[in-house]
Amino acid sequence: MNMKKGAQQYAQMNKQTGIEGANPHQLIGMLYQGALDSLQQALGCIDRKDFEGRGRHLGRVITILGGLQSFLDHEKGGDISKNLDNLYEYMTVRLYDASREKTREPVEEVIKLMREVKDGWDGIAQQAQEIFSEQNQTVNG
């Protein structure tokens, strides 16, 4: 009985968050947006001297960055994958700096970097959709 209720809640969460039906490109875009939202919330916490909230939001972004790193395919991704891995690692270090220093500057720097990466990611949406459609046709065809 509890498993059924849990599955229903999970399905409802997927619908509410837009995950259901999203392709891999869209899912990564959602992670970027979630990170940006949490970074903005962390800035508000820094301004209010809400150290617990700051830590929670920065921790969420660090978790997202770790997830993004784990999705990188270093065999197929070549230099792009390596550069993104290094960038995600740098962002993580800067967020630890923000937590330690209790200042806005490292968070603002990560926001700028994250926006640049997200803009690039959003810019390849059409190409990603075409690749995803081709892969689905191959698998289902």
C-alpha atoms as a PDB file:
ATOM      1  CA  MET A   1       0.000   0.000   0.000  1.00  0.00           C
ATOM      2  CA  ASN A   2       2.775   2.469   0.891  1.00  0.00           C
ATOM      3  CA  MET A   3       4.672   1.626  -2.306  1.00  0.00           C
ATOM      4  CA  LYS A   4       1.625   2.453  -4.399  1.00  0.00           C
ATOM      5  CA  LYS A   5       1.182   5.787  -2.640  1.00  0.00           C
ATOM      6  CA  GLY A   6       4.882   6.567  -3.139  1.00  0.00           C
ATOM      7  CA  ALA A   7       4.675   5.739  -6.823  1.00  0.00           C
ATOM      8  CA  GLN A   8       1.638   7.978  -7.210  1.00  0.00           C
ATOM      9  CA  GLN A   9       3.415  10.860  -5.465  1.00  0.00           C
ATOM     10  CA  TYR A  10       6.471  10.359  -7.672  1.00  0.00           C
ATOM     11  CA  ALA A  11       4.324  10.382 -10.821  1.00  0.00           C
ATOM     12  CA  GLN A  12       2.571  13.547  -9.647  1.00  0.00           C
ATOM     13  CA  MET A  13       5.931  15.213  -8.926  1.00  0.00           C
ATOM     14  CA  ASN A  14       7.126  14.350 -12.451  1.00  0.00           C
ATOM     15  CA  LYS A  15       4.043  15.978 -13.938  1.00  0.00           C
ATOM     16  CA  GLN A  16       4.403  19.068 -11.757  1.00  0.00           C
ATOM     17  CA  THR A  17       8.079  19.574 -12.533  1.00  0.00           C
ATOM     18  CA  GLY A  18       7.795  18.998 -16.284  1.00  0.00           C
ATOM     19  CA  ILE A  19      10.096  15.983 -16.225  1.00  0.00           C
ATOM     20  CA  GLU A  20       7.576  13.659 -17.804  1.00  0.00           C
ATOM     21  CA  GLY A  21       8.093  13.673 -21.547  1.00  0.00           C
ATOM     22  CA  ALA A  22      11.264  15.780 -21.437  1.00  0.00           C
ATOM     23  CA  ASN A  23      14.171  14.689 -23.601  1.00  0.00           C
ATOM     24  CA  PRO A  24      17.740  14.556 -22.230  1.00  0.00           C
ATOM     25  CA  HIS A  25      18.539  18.030 -23.582  1.00  0.00           C
ATOM     26  CA  GLN A  26      15.535  19.516 -21.814  1.00  0.00           C
ATOM     27  CA  LEU A  27      16.408  17.731 -18.570  1.00  0.00           C
ATOM     28  CA  ILE A  28      19.911  19.232 -18.556  1.00  0.00           C
ATOM     29  CA  GLY A  29      18.357  22.637 -19.267  1.00  0.00           C
ATOM     30  CA  MET A  30      16.107  22.165 -16.246  1.00  0.00           C
ATOM     31  CA  LEU A  31      19.159  21.411 -14.108  1.00  0.00           C
ATOM     32  CA  TYR A  32      20.842  24.603 -15.304  1.00  0.00           C
ATOM     33  CA  GLN A  33      17.714  26.602 -14.530  1.00  0.00           C
ATOM     34  CA  GLY A  34      17.354  24.963 -11.123  1.00  0.00           C
ATOM     35  CA  ALA A  35      20.952  25.855 -10.329  1.00  0.00           C
ATOM     36  CA  LEU A  36      20.395  29.465 -11.398  1.00  0.00           C
ATOM     37  CA  ASP A  37      17.239  29.696  -9.281  1.00  0.00           C
ATOM     38  CA  SER A  38      19.061  28.337  -6.230  1.00  0.00           C
ATOM     39  CA  LEU A  39      21.985  30.702  -6.809  1.00  0.00           C
ATOM     40  CA  GLN A  40      19.600  33.672  -6.821  1.00  0.00           C
ATOM     41  CA  GLN A  41      18.014  32.397  -3.621  1.00  0.00           C
ATOM     42  CA  ALA A  42      21.472  32.011  -2.070  1.00  0.00           C
ATOM     43  CA  LEU A  43      22.207  35.671  -2.856  1.00  0.00           C
ATOM     44  CA  GLY A  44      19.043  36.685  -1.028  1.00  0.00           C
ATOM     45  CA  CYS A  45      20.087  34.574   1.947  1.00  0.00           C
ATOM     46  CA  ILE A  46      23.541  36.170   1.967  1.00  0.00           C
ATOM     47  CA  ASP A  47      21.929  39.632   1.998  1.00  0.00           C
ATOM     48  CA  ARG A  48      19.639  38.636   4.883  1.00  0.00           C
ATOM     49  CA  LYS A  49      22.465  36.892   6.722  1.00  0.00           C
ATOM     50  CA  ASP A  50      20.408  33.699   6.598  1.00  0.00           C
ATOM     51  CA  PHE A  51      23.359  31.339   6.856  1.00  0.00           C
ATOM     52  CA  GLU A  52      21.270  28.183   7.008  1.00  0.00           C
ATOM     53  CA  GLY A  53      19.364  29.109   3.857  1.00  0.00           C
ATOM     54  CA  ARG A  54      22.578  30.117   2.095  1.00  0.00           C
ATOM     55  CA  GLY A  55      24.116  26.746   2.894  1.00  0.00           C
ATOM     56  CA  ARG A  56      21.009  24.871   1.752  1.00  0.00           C
ATOM     57  CA  HIS A  57      20.828  26.679  -1.608  1.00  0.00           C
ATOM     58  CA  LEU A  58      24.570  26.512  -2.271  1.00  0.00           C
ATOM     59  CA  GLY A  59      24.504  22.822  -1.358  1.00  0.00           C
ATOM     60  CA  ARG A  60      21.704  22.253  -3.853  1.00  0.00           C
ATOM     61  CA  VAL A  61      23.761  23.889  -6.618  1.00  0.00           C
ATOM     62  CA  ILE A  62      26.845  21.875  -5.684  1.00  0.00           C
ATOM     63  CA  THR A  63      24.742  18.718  -5.939  1.00  0.00           C
ATOM     64  CA  ILE A  64      23.466  19.781  -9.372  1.00  0.00           C
ATOM     65  CA  LEU A  65      27.018  20.493 -10.528  1.00  0.00           C
ATOM     66  CA  GLY A  66      28.081  17.033  -9.365  1.00  0.00           C
ATOM     67  CA  GLY A  67      25.213  15.531 -11.325  1.00  0.00           C
ATOM     68  CA  LEU A  68      26.143  17.495 -14.430  1.00  0.00           C
ATOM     69  CA  GLN A  69      29.718  16.260 -14.093  1.00  0.00           C
ATOM     70  CA  SER A  70      28.530  12.670 -13.816  1.00  0.00           C
ATOM     71  CA  PHE A  71      26.551  13.001 -17.076  1.00  0.00           C
ATOM     72  CA  LEU A  72      29.604  14.017 -19.105  1.00  0.00           C
ATOM     73  CA  ASP A  73      30.743  11.457 -21.653  1.00  0.00           C
ATOM     74  CA  HIS A  74      34.509  11.918 -21.775  1.00  0.00           C
ATOM     75  CA  GLU A  75      34.944   9.353 -24.556  1.00  0.00           C
ATOM     76  CA  LYS A  76      32.574  11.045 -26.995  1.00  0.00           C
ATOM     77  CA  GLY A  77      32.795  14.569 -25.605  1.00  0.00           C
ATOM     78  CA  GLY A  78      36.502  15.165 -26.100  1.00  0.00           C
ATOM     79  CA  ASP A  79      37.751  18.628 -25.192  1.00  0.00           C
ATOM     80  CA  ILE A  80      34.241  20.001 -24.656  1.00  0.00           C
ATOM     81  CA  SER A  81      33.553  17.385 -22.011  1.00  0.00           C
ATOM     82  CA  LYS A  82      36.915  18.002 -20.342  1.00  0.00           C
ATOM     83  CA  ASN A  83      36.396  21.773 -20.357  1.00  0.00           C
ATOM     84  CA  LEU A  84      32.894  21.466 -18.895  1.00  0.00           C
ATOM     85  CA  ASP A  85      34.203  19.122 -16.204  1.00  0.00           C
ATOM     86  CA  ASN A  86      36.866  21.679 -15.273  1.00  0.00           C
ATOM     87  CA  LEU A  87      34.321  24.502 -15.324  1.00  0.00           C
ATOM     88  CA  TYR A  88      31.883  22.619 -13.088  1.00  0.00           C
ATOM     89  CA  GLU A  89      34.734  21.869 -10.698  1.00  0.00           C
ATOM     90  CA  TYR A  90      35.749  25.546 -10.659  1.00  0.00           C
ATOM     91  CA  MET A  91      32.148  26.605  -9.966  1.00  0.00           C
ATOM     92  CA  THR A  92      31.988  24.148  -7.076  1.00  0.00           C
ATOM     93  CA  VAL A  93      35.169  25.564  -5.553  1.00  0.00           C
ATOM     94  CA  ARG A  94      33.805  29.104  -5.916  1.00  0.00           C
ATOM     95  CA  LEU A  95      30.595  28.100  -4.141  1.00  0.00           C
ATOM     96  CA  TYR A  96      32.627  26.670  -1.263  1.00  0.00           C
ATOM     97  CA  ASP A  97      34.443  30.027  -1.222  1.00  0.00           C
ATOM     98  CA  ALA A  98      31.079  31.814  -1.024  1.00  0.00           C
ATOM     99  CA  SER A  99      30.034  29.637   1.880  1.00  0.00           C
ATOM    100  CA  ARG A 100      33.282  30.192   3.735  1.00  0.00           C
ATOM    101  CA  GLU A 101      33.591  33.921   3.006  1.00  0.00           C
ATOM    102  CA  LYS A 102      29.859  34.686   3.323  1.00  0.00           C
ATOM    103  CA  THR A 103      30.105  37.051   0.335  1.00  0.00           C
ATOM    104  CA  ARG A 104      28.137  37.600  -2.863  1.00  0.00           C
ATOM    105  CA  GLU A 105      31.049  37.817  -5.313  1.00  0.00           C
ATOM    106  CA  PRO A 106      31.729  34.097  -5.818  1.00  0.00           C
ATOM    107  CA  VAL A 107      27.993  33.417  -6.239  1.00  0.00           C
ATOM    108  CA  GLU A 108      27.660  36.240  -8.754  1.00  0.00           C
ATOM    109  CA  GLU A 109      30.638  34.830 -10.673  1.00  0.00           C
ATOM    110  CA  VAL A 110      29.055  31.373 -10.795  1.00  0.00           C
ATOM    111  CA  ILE A 111      25.745  32.881 -11.936  1.00  0.00           C
ATOM    112  CA  LYS A 112      27.535  34.593 -14.822  1.00  0.00           C
ATOM    113  CA  LEU A 113      29.320  31.381 -15.811  1.00  0.00           C
ATOM    114  CA  MET A 114      26.169  29.273 -15.446  1.00  0.00           C
ATOM    115  CA  ARG A 115      24.181  31.687 -17.622  1.00  0.00           C
ATOM    116  CA  GLU A 116      26.814  31.497 -20.347  1.00  0.00           C
ATOM    117  CA  VAL A 117      26.747  27.697 -20.298  1.00  0.00           C
ATOM    118  CA  LYS A 118      22.938  27.627 -20.237  1.00  0.00           C
ATOM    119  CA  ASP A 119      22.724  30.104 -23.123  1.00  0.00           C
ATOM    120  CA  GLY A 120      25.026  27.865 -25.164  1.00  0.00           C
ATOM    121  CA  TRP A 121      23.004  24.818 -24.198  1.00  0.00           C
ATOM    122  CA  ASP A 122      19.738  26.531 -25.122  1.00  0.00           C
ATOM    123  CA  GLY A 123      21.311  27.551 -28.429  1.00  0.00           C
ATOM    124  CA  ILE A 124      21.670  23.931 -29.539  1.00  0.00           C
ATOM    125  CA  ALA A 125      18.093  22.941 -28.706  1.00  0.00           C
ATOM    126  CA  GLN A 126      17.080  22.352 -32.332  1.00  0.00           C
ATOM    127  CA  GLN A 127      20.145  20.201 -33.047  1.00  0.00           C
ATOM    128  CA  ALA A 128      19.570  18.217 -29.863  1.00  0.00           C
ATOM    129  CA  GLN A 129      15.913  17.645 -30.765  1.00  0.00           C
ATOM    130  CA  GLU A 130      16.917  16.326 -34.188  1.00  0.00           C
ATOM    131  CA  ILE A 131      19.472  13.943 -32.655  1.00  0.00           C
ATOM    132  CA  PHE A 132      16.981  12.771 -30.038  1.00  0.00           C
ATOM    133  CA  SER A 133      14.319  12.174 -32.711  1.00  0.00           C
ATOM    134  CA  GLU A 134      16.770  10.207 -34.879  1.00  0.00           C
ATOM    135  CA  GLN A 135      17.796   8.042 -31.914  1.00  0.00           C
ATOM    136  CA  ASN A 136      14.165   7.345 -31.028  1.00  0.00           C
ATOM    137  CA  GLN A 137      13.382   6.355 -34.621  1.00  0.00           C
ATOM    138  CA  THR A 138      16.360   3.988 -34.652  1.00  0.00           C
ATOM    139  CA  VAL A 139      15.332   2.389 -31.360  1.00  0.00           C
ATOM    140  CA  ASN A 140      11.608   2.230 -32.167  1.00  0.00           C
ATOM    141  CA  GLY A 141      11.927   1.674 -35.898  1.00  0.00           C
END
